[in-house]
C-alpha cells in the first residue's frame, strides 16, 4: 500500500475512525468477564478466576489511573495512525 500511495495512485478510505480506546477497553473487559463466567459455569469452576482477574484489573485501573489493557489496545494495529 505504501508503494502504491507513494506512486501517486488513488487510495479509497472508508473514513471510519477506530472506536475510542475507552470503548475498546470496556468491550474487551466485558467480553473476558462473560467468557470467564461461561467457561466457569459450563467447563470448570477454575475459569471464574478469569472474571476475577479482569475485575481486579478494573479496580486497579480505577485506583491508580493506569490501565494495562488500554496500553495494549493502544498498540493494536487498528489503532495506529495511517498516512
PDB file of N, CA and C in Angstrom:
ATOM      1  N   UNK A   1       0.816  -1.186   0.000  1.00  0.00           N
ATOM      2  CA  UNK A   1       0.000   0.000   0.000  1.00  0.00           C
ATOM      3  C   UNK A   1       0.861   1.252   0.000  1.00  0.00           C
ATOM      4  N   UNK A   2       1.952   1.185   0.757  1.00  0.00           N
ATOM      5  CA  UNK A   2       2.826   2.356   0.822  1.00  0.00           C
ATOM      6  C   UNK A   2       3.414   2.704  -0.535  1.00  0.00           C
ATOM      7  N   UNK A   3       3.834   1.676  -1.278  1.00  0.00           N
ATOM      8  CA  UNK A   3       4.399   1.910  -2.601  1.00  0.00           C
ATOM      9  C   UNK A   3       3.327   2.428  -3.558  1.00  0.00           C
ATOM     10  N   UNK A   4       2.133   1.887  -3.435  1.00  0.00           N
ATOM     11  CA  UNK A   4       1.023   2.324  -4.282  1.00  0.00           C
ATOM     12  C   UNK A   4       0.726   3.803  -4.033  1.00  0.00           C
ATOM     13  N   UNK A   5       0.604   4.184  -2.777  1.00  0.00           N
ATOM     14  CA  UNK A   5       0.322   5.584  -2.436  1.00  0.00           C
ATOM     15  C   UNK A   5       1.504   6.474  -2.808  1.00  0.00           C
ATOM     16  N   UNK A   6       2.727   5.957  -2.619  1.00  0.00           N
ATOM     17  CA  UNK A   6       3.913   6.722  -2.961  1.00  0.00           C
ATOM     18  C   UNK A   6       4.025   6.997  -4.451  1.00  0.00           C
ATOM     19  N   UNK A   7       3.472   6.104  -5.267  1.00  0.00           N
ATOM     20  CA  UNK A   7       3.499   6.289  -6.714  1.00  0.00           C
ATOM     21  C   UNK A   7       2.403   7.248  -7.180  1.00  0.00           C
ATOM     22  N   UNK A   8       1.568   7.691  -6.249  1.00  0.00           N
ATOM     23  CA  UNK A   8       0.539   8.655  -6.604  1.00  0.00           C
ATOM     24  C   UNK A   8      -0.780   8.064  -7.040  1.00  0.00           C
ATOM     25  N   UNK A   9      -0.940   6.754  -6.905  1.00  0.00           N
ATOM     26  CA  UNK A   9      -2.199   6.123  -7.279  1.00  0.00           C
ATOM     27  C   UNK A   9      -3.251   6.388  -6.213  1.00  0.00           C
ATOM     28  N   UNK A  10      -4.518   6.396  -6.609  1.00  0.00           N
ATOM     29  CA  UNK A  10      -5.582   6.716  -5.643  1.00  0.00           C
ATOM     30  C   UNK A  10      -5.788   5.599  -4.623  1.00  0.00           C
ATOM     31  N   UNK A  11      -6.159   6.008  -3.428  1.00  0.00           N
ATOM     32  CA  UNK A  11      -6.471   5.067  -2.358  1.00  0.00           C
ATOM     33  C   UNK A  11      -7.849   5.413  -1.819  1.00  0.00           C
ATOM     34  N   UNK A  12      -8.692   4.401  -1.744  1.00  0.00           N
ATOM     35  CA  UNK A  12     -10.025   4.610  -1.184  1.00  0.00           C
ATOM     36  C   UNK A  12      -9.961   4.406   0.320  1.00  0.00           C
ATOM     37  N   UNK A  13     -10.489   5.359   1.050  1.00  0.00           N
ATOM     38  CA  UNK A  13     -10.546   5.248   2.504  1.00  0.00           C
ATOM     39  C   UNK A  13     -12.005   5.236   2.909  1.00  0.00           C
ATOM     40  N   UNK A  14     -12.320   4.412   3.898  1.00  0.00           N
ATOM     41  CA  UNK A  14     -13.717   4.335   4.315  1.00  0.00           C
ATOM     42  C   UNK A  14     -14.110   5.491   5.223  1.00  0.00           C
ATOM     43  N   UNK A  15     -13.145   6.243   5.746  1.00  0.00           N
ATOM     44  CA  UNK A  15     -13.450   7.416   6.545  1.00  0.00           C
ATOM     45  C   UNK A  15     -13.878   7.118   7.970  1.00  0.00           C
ATOM     46  N   UNK A  16     -13.924   5.849   8.332  1.00  0.00           N
ATOM     47  CA  UNK A  16     -14.338   5.496   9.684  1.00  0.00           C
ATOM     48  C   UNK A  16     -13.132   5.524  10.616  1.00  0.00           C
ATOM     49  N   UNK A  17     -13.289   6.181  11.731  1.00  0.00           N
ATOM     50  CA  UNK A  17     -12.240   6.212  12.742  1.00  0.00           C
ATOM     51  C   UNK A  17     -12.395   4.990  13.643  1.00  0.00           C
ATOM     52  N   UNK A  18     -11.309   4.514  14.226  1.00  0.00           N
ATOM     53  CA  UNK A  18     -11.443   3.392  15.169  1.00  0.00           C
ATOM     54  C   UNK A  18     -12.252   3.832  16.388  1.00  0.00           C
ATOM     55  N   UNK A  19     -12.797   2.863  17.084  1.00  0.00           N
ATOM     56  CA  UNK A  19     -13.536   3.167  18.303  1.00  0.00           C
ATOM     57  C   UNK A  19     -12.625   3.864  19.293  1.00  0.00           C
ATOM     58  N   UNK A  20     -13.213   4.649  20.162  1.00  0.00           N
ATOM     59  CA  UNK A  20     -12.445   5.284  21.227  1.00  0.00           C
ATOM     60  C   UNK A  20     -11.805   4.198  22.088  1.00  0.00           C
ATOM     61  N   UNK A  21     -10.641   4.476  22.610  1.00  0.00           N
ATOM     62  CA  UNK A  21      -9.893   3.483  23.378  1.00  0.00           C
ATOM     63  C   UNK A  21     -10.676   3.014  24.602  1.00  0.00           C
ATOM     64  N   UNK A  22     -11.343   3.926  25.278  1.00  0.00           N
ATOM     65  CA  UNK A  22     -12.121   3.535  26.458  1.00  0.00           C
ATOM     66  C   UNK A  22     -13.232   2.550  26.082  1.00  0.00           C
ATOM     67  N   UNK A  23     -13.842   2.763  24.928  1.00  0.00           N
ATOM     68  CA  UNK A  23     -14.893   1.853  24.461  1.00  0.00           C
ATOM     69  C   UNK A  23     -14.315   0.473  24.160  1.00  0.00           C
ATOM     70  N   UNK A  24     -13.127   0.440  23.580  1.00  0.00           N
ATOM     71  CA  UNK A  24     -12.476  -0.837  23.294  1.00  0.00           C
ATOM     72  C   UNK A  24     -12.152  -1.583  24.584  1.00  0.00           C
ATOM     73  N   UNK A  25     -11.694  -0.851  25.615  1.00  0.00           N
ATOM     74  CA  UNK A  25     -11.378  -1.479  26.896  1.00  0.00           C
ATOM     75  C   UNK A  25     -12.644  -2.048  27.524  1.00  0.00           C
ATOM     76  N   UNK A  26     -13.737  -1.289  27.489  1.00  0.00           N
ATOM     77  CA  UNK A  26     -14.996  -1.781  28.070  1.00  0.00           C
ATOM     78  C   UNK A  26     -15.467  -3.036  27.354  1.00  0.00           C
ATOM     79  N   UNK A  27     -15.357  -3.050  26.022  1.00  0.00           N
ATOM     80  CA  UNK A  27     -15.766  -4.221  25.255  1.00  0.00           C
ATOM     81  C   UNK A  27     -14.894  -5.433  25.597  1.00  0.00           C
ATOM     82  N   UNK A  28     -13.589  -5.244  25.627  1.00  0.00           N
ATOM     83  CA  UNK A  28     -12.681  -6.353  25.922  1.00  0.00           C
ATOM     84  C   UNK A  28     -12.884  -6.867  27.346  1.00  0.00           C
ATOM     85  N   UNK A  29     -12.989  -5.966  28.311  1.00  0.00           N
ATOM     86  CA  UNK A  29     -13.172  -6.383  29.703  1.00  0.00           C
ATOM     87  C   UNK A  29     -14.500  -7.105  29.876  1.00  0.00           C
ATOM     88  N   UNK A  30     -15.558  -6.557  29.315  1.00  0.00           N
ATOM     89  CA  UNK A  30     -16.860  -7.218  29.414  1.00  0.00           C
ATOM     90  C   UNK A  30     -16.868  -8.578  28.742  1.00  0.00           C
ATOM     91  N   UNK A  31     -16.221  -8.671  27.596  1.00  0.00           N
ATOM     92  CA  UNK A  31     -16.137  -9.957  26.898  1.00  0.00           C
ATOM     93  C   UNK A  31     -15.359 -10.995  27.686  1.00  0.00           C
ATOM     94  N   UNK A  32     -14.266 -10.565  28.317  1.00  0.00           N
ATOM     95  CA  UNK A  32     -13.478 -11.507  29.123  1.00  0.00           C
ATOM     96  C   UNK A  32     -14.236 -11.953  30.364  1.00  0.00           C
ATOM     97  N   UNK A  33     -14.961 -11.040  30.997  1.00  0.00           N
ATOM     98  CA  UNK A  33     -15.764 -11.415  32.163  1.00  0.00           C
ATOM     99  C   UNK A  33     -16.846 -12.410  31.747  1.00  0.00           C
ATOM    100  N   UNK A  34     -17.532 -12.115  30.668  1.00  0.00           N
ATOM    101  CA  UNK A  34     -18.576 -13.021  30.183  1.00  0.00           C
ATOM    102  C   UNK A  34     -18.000 -14.384  29.813  1.00  0.00           C
ATOM    103  N   UNK A  35     -16.855 -14.389  29.150  1.00  0.00           N
ATOM    104  CA  UNK A  35     -16.201 -15.645  28.786  1.00  0.00           C
ATOM    105  C   UNK A  35     -15.805 -16.434  30.028  1.00  0.00           C
ATOM    106  N   UNK A  36     -15.234 -15.744  31.023  1.00  0.00           N
ATOM    107  CA  UNK A  36     -14.835 -16.422  32.253  1.00  0.00           C
ATOM    108  C   UNK A  36     -16.012 -17.033  32.991  1.00  0.00           C
ATOM    109  N   UNK A  37     -17.124 -16.314  33.046  1.00  0.00           N
ATOM    110  CA  UNK A  37     -18.313 -16.847  33.711  1.00  0.00           C
ATOM    111  C   UNK A  37     -18.867 -18.039  32.942  1.00  0.00           C
ATOM    112  N   UNK A  38     -18.950 -17.921  31.616  1.00  0.00           N
ATOM    113  CA  UNK A  38     -19.482 -19.027  30.811  1.00  0.00           C
ATOM    114  C   UNK A  38     -18.608 -20.266  30.928  1.00  0.00           C
ATOM    115  N   UNK A  39     -17.293 -20.086  30.832  1.00  0.00           N
ATOM    116  CA  UNK A  39     -16.398 -21.245  30.960  1.00  0.00           C
ATOM    117  C   UNK A  39     -16.434 -21.815  32.370  1.00  0.00           C
ATOM    118  N   UNK A  40     -16.528 -20.942  33.364  1.00  0.00           N
ATOM    119  CA  UNK A  40     -16.623 -21.425  34.745  1.00  0.00           C
ATOM    120  C   UNK A  40     -17.902 -22.194  34.994  1.00  0.00           C
ATOM    121  N   UNK A  41     -18.967 -21.784  34.357  1.00  0.00           N
ATOM    122  CA  UNK A  41     -20.253 -22.446  34.559  1.00  0.00           C
ATOM    123  C   UNK A  41     -20.336 -23.778  33.799  1.00  0.00           C
ATOM    124  N   UNK A  42     -19.861 -23.763  32.542  1.00  0.00           N
ATOM    125  CA  UNK A  42     -20.048 -24.933  31.687  1.00  0.00           C
ATOM    126  C   UNK A  42     -18.845 -25.871  31.605  1.00  0.00           C
ATOM    127  N   UNK A  43     -17.632 -25.384  31.900  1.00  0.00           N
ATOM    128  CA  UNK A  43     -16.442 -26.223  31.726  1.00  0.00           C
ATOM    129  C   UNK A  43     -15.850 -26.620  33.074  1.00  0.00           C
ATOM    130  N   UNK A  44     -15.347 -25.634  33.803  1.00  0.00           N
ATOM    131  CA  UNK A  44     -14.701 -25.920  35.097  1.00  0.00           C
ATOM    132  C   UNK A  44     -14.692 -24.641  35.919  1.00  0.00           C
ATOM    133  N   UNK A  45     -14.989 -24.745  37.215  1.00  0.00           N
ATOM    134  CA  UNK A  45     -15.068 -23.540  38.057  1.00  0.00           C
ATOM    135  C   UNK A  45     -13.779 -22.720  38.130  1.00  0.00           C
ATOM    136  N   UNK A  46     -12.657 -23.293  37.783  1.00  0.00           N
ATOM    137  CA  UNK A  46     -11.403 -22.541  37.840  1.00  0.00           C
ATOM    138  C   UNK A  46     -11.421 -21.358  36.861  1.00  0.00           C
ATOM    139  N   UNK A  47     -12.248 -21.428  35.829  1.00  0.00           N
ATOM    140  CA  UNK A  47     -12.327 -20.341  34.855  1.00  0.00           C
ATOM    141  C   UNK A  47     -12.979 -19.086  35.415  1.00  0.00           C
ATOM    142  N   UNK A  48     -13.647 -19.195  36.569  1.00  0.00           N
ATOM    143  CA  UNK A  48     -14.169 -17.994  37.214  1.00  0.00           C
ATOM    144  C   UNK A  48     -13.025 -17.042  37.582  1.00  0.00           C
ATOM    145  N   UNK A  49     -11.814 -17.578  37.688  1.00  0.00           N
ATOM    146  CA  UNK A  49     -10.641 -16.756  38.002  1.00  0.00           C
ATOM    147  C   UNK A  49     -10.382 -15.726  36.903  1.00  0.00           C
ATOM    148  N   UNK A  50     -10.744 -16.029  35.671  1.00  0.00           N
ATOM    149  CA  UNK A  50     -10.577 -15.062  34.574  1.00  0.00           C
ATOM    150  C   UNK A  50     -11.397 -13.812  34.873  1.00  0.00           C
ATOM    151  N   UNK A  51     -12.644 -14.020  35.270  1.00  0.00           N
ATOM    152  CA  UNK A  51     -13.504 -12.882  35.600  1.00  0.00           C
ATOM    153  C   UNK A  51     -12.975 -12.129  36.808  1.00  0.00           C
ATOM    154  N   UNK A  52     -12.487 -12.863  37.809  1.00  0.00           N
ATOM    155  CA  UNK A  52     -11.927 -12.213  39.000  1.00  0.00           C
ATOM    156  C   UNK A  52     -10.689 -11.396  38.639  1.00  0.00           C
ATOM    157  N   UNK A  53      -9.850 -11.907  37.756  1.00  0.00           N
ATOM    158  CA  UNK A  53      -8.646 -11.202  37.345  1.00  0.00           C
ATOM    159  C   UNK A  53      -8.989  -9.910  36.607  1.00  0.00           C
ATOM    160  N   UNK A  54      -9.968  -9.975  35.713  1.00  0.00           N
ATOM    161  CA  UNK A  54     -10.386  -8.775  34.974  1.00  0.00           C
ATOM    162  C   UNK A  54     -10.993  -7.759  35.934  1.00  0.00           C
ATOM    163  N   UNK A  55     -11.806  -8.229  36.865  1.00  0.00           N
ATOM    164  CA  UNK A  55     -12.383  -7.330  37.860  1.00  0.00           C
ATOM    165  C   UNK A  55     -11.321  -6.656  38.703  1.00  0.00           C
ATOM    166  N   UNK A  56     -10.310  -7.416  39.131  1.00  0.00           N
ATOM    167  CA  UNK A  56      -9.211  -6.842  39.903  1.00  0.00           C
ATOM    168  C   UNK A  56      -8.444  -5.819  39.069  1.00  0.00           C
ATOM    169  N   UNK A  57      -8.268  -6.093  37.790  1.00  0.00           N
ATOM    170  CA  UNK A  57      -7.591  -5.145  36.906  1.00  0.00           C
ATOM    171  C   UNK A  57      -8.368  -3.851  36.753  1.00  0.00           C
ATOM    172  N   UNK A  58      -9.689  -3.953  36.684  1.00  0.00           N
ATOM    173  CA  UNK A  58     -10.515  -2.748  36.584  1.00  0.00           C
ATOM    174  C   UNK A  58     -10.455  -1.920  37.863  1.00  0.00           C
ATOM    175  N   UNK A  59     -10.461  -2.598  39.013  1.00  0.00           N
ATOM    176  CA  UNK A  59     -10.328  -1.879  40.289  1.00  0.00           C
ATOM    177  C   UNK A  59      -8.966  -1.198  40.361  1.00  0.00           C
ATOM    178  N   UNK A  60      -7.915  -1.919  39.973  1.00  0.00           N
ATOM    179  CA  UNK A  60      -6.567  -1.351  39.975  1.00  0.00           C
ATOM    180  C   UNK A  60      -6.486  -0.128  39.053  1.00  0.00           C
ATOM    181  N   UNK A  61      -7.094  -0.248  37.875  1.00  0.00           N
ATOM    182  CA  UNK A  61      -7.084   0.878  36.926  1.00  0.00           C
ATOM    183  C   UNK A  61      -7.828   2.077  37.498  1.00  0.00           C
ATOM    184  N   UNK A  62      -8.911   1.828  38.204  1.00  0.00           N
ATOM    185  CA  UNK A  62      -9.661   2.917  38.794  1.00  0.00           C
ATOM    186  C   UNK A  62      -8.914   3.614  39.911  1.00  0.00           C
ATOM    187  N   UNK A  63      -8.175   2.842  40.701  1.00  0.00           N
ATOM    188  CA  UNK A  63      -7.450   3.412  41.840  1.00  0.00           C
ATOM    189  C   UNK A  63      -6.184   4.140  41.394  1.00  0.00           C
ATOM    190  N   UNK A  64      -5.461   3.557  40.458  1.00  0.00           N
ATOM    191  CA  UNK A  64      -4.149   4.098  40.079  1.00  0.00           C
ATOM    192  C   UNK A  64      -4.182   4.970  38.827  1.00  0.00           C
ATOM    193  N   UNK A  65      -5.275   4.935  38.073  1.00  0.00           N
ATOM    194  CA  UNK A  65      -5.378   5.640  36.798  1.00  0.00           C
ATOM    195  C   UNK A  65      -4.352   5.130  35.787  1.00  0.00           C
ATOM    196  N   UNK A  66      -4.025   3.843  35.868  1.00  0.00           N
ATOM    197  CA  UNK A  66      -3.121   3.181  34.934  1.00  0.00           C
ATOM    198  C   UNK A  66      -3.806   1.915  34.454  1.00  0.00           C
ATOM    199  N   UNK A  67      -4.015   1.794  33.143  1.00  0.00           N
ATOM    200  CA  UNK A  67      -4.763   0.662  32.593  1.00  0.00           C
ATOM    201  C   UNK A  67      -3.885  -0.102  31.603  1.00  0.00           C
ATOM    202  N   UNK A  68      -3.459  -1.283  32.013  1.00  0.00           N
ATOM    203  CA  UNK A  68      -2.622  -2.114  31.156  1.00  0.00           C
ATOM    204  C   UNK A  68      -3.338  -2.548  29.887  1.00  0.00           C
ATOM    205  N   UNK A  69      -4.623  -2.876  30.001  1.00  0.00           N
ATOM    206  CA  UNK A  69      -5.374  -3.289  28.825  1.00  0.00           C
ATOM    207  C   UNK A  69      -5.480  -2.138  27.828  1.00  0.00           C
ATOM    208  N   UNK A  70      -5.658  -0.931  28.337  1.00  0.00           N
ATOM    209  CA  UNK A  70      -5.717   0.234  27.457  1.00  0.00           C
ATOM    210  C   UNK A  70      -4.401   0.459  26.734  1.00  0.00           C
ATOM    211  N   UNK A  71      -3.298   0.252  27.447  1.00  0.00           N
ATOM    212  CA  UNK A  71      -1.983   0.409  26.818  1.00  0.00           C
ATOM    213  C   UNK A  71      -1.766  -0.641  25.729  1.00  0.00           C
ATOM    214  N   UNK A  72      -2.208  -1.868  25.989  1.00  0.00           N
ATOM    215  CA  UNK A  72      -2.076  -2.917  24.974  1.00  0.00           C
ATOM    216  C   UNK A  72      -2.948  -2.628  23.760  1.00  0.00           C
ATOM    217  N   UNK A  73      -4.182  -2.212  24.008  1.00  0.00           N
ATOM    218  CA  UNK A  73      -5.075  -1.915  22.892  1.00  0.00           C
ATOM    219  C   UNK A  73      -4.600  -0.705  22.091  1.00  0.00           C
ATOM    220  N   UNK A  74      -3.953   0.233  22.742  1.00  0.00           N
ATOM    221  CA  UNK A  74      -3.441   1.406  22.027  1.00  0.00           C
ATOM    222  C   UNK A  74      -2.371   1.007  21.017  1.00  0.00           C
ATOM    223  N   UNK A  75      -1.690  -0.098  21.255  1.00  0.00           N
ATOM    224  CA  UNK A  75      -0.651  -0.572  20.328  1.00  0.00           C
ATOM    225  C   UNK A  75      -1.201  -1.502  19.241  1.00  0.00           C
ATOM    226  N   UNK A  76      -2.486  -1.811  19.294  1.00  0.00           N
ATOM    227  CA  UNK A  76      -3.081  -2.705  18.308  1.00  0.00           C
ATOM    228  C   UNK A  76      -3.028  -2.053  16.920  1.00  0.00           C
ATOM    229  N   UNK A  77      -2.913  -2.871  15.873  1.00  0.00           N
ATOM    230  CA  UNK A  77      -2.759  -2.325  14.521  1.00  0.00           C
ATOM    231  C   UNK A  77      -3.894  -1.397  14.098  1.00  0.00           C
ATOM    232  N   UNK A  78      -5.111  -1.688  14.504  1.00  0.00           N
ATOM    233  CA  UNK A  78      -6.232  -0.850  14.084  1.00  0.00           C
ATOM    234  C   UNK A  78      -6.251   0.500  14.784  1.00  0.00           C
ATOM    235  N   UNK A  79      -5.415   0.691  15.801  1.00  0.00           N
ATOM    236  CA  UNK A  79      -5.346   1.981  16.493  1.00  0.00           C
ATOM    237  C   UNK A  79      -4.133   2.804  16.070  1.00  0.00           C
ATOM    238  N   UNK A  80      -3.377   2.334  15.105  1.00  0.00           N
ATOM    239  CA  UNK A  80      -2.208   3.056  14.633  1.00  0.00           C
ATOM    240  C   UNK A  80      -2.625   4.022  13.528  1.00  0.00           C
ATOM    241  N   UNK A  81      -2.038   5.183  13.548  1.00  0.00           N
ATOM    242  CA  UNK A  81      -2.358   6.186  12.510  1.00  0.00           C
ATOM    243  C   UNK A  81      -1.799   5.737  11.176  1.00  0.00           C
ATOM    244  N   UNK A  82      -2.587   5.974  10.158  1.00  0.00           N
ATOM    245  CA  UNK A  82      -2.171   5.625   8.796  1.00  0.00           C
ATOM    246  C   UNK A  82      -1.858   6.908   8.053  1.00  0.00           C
ATOM    247  N   UNK A  83      -0.891   6.856   7.146  1.00  0.00           N
ATOM    248  CA  UNK A  83      -0.543   8.066   6.374  1.00  0.00           C
ATOM    249  C   UNK A  83      -1.643   8.496   5.437  1.00  0.00           C
TER     250      UNK A  83
END
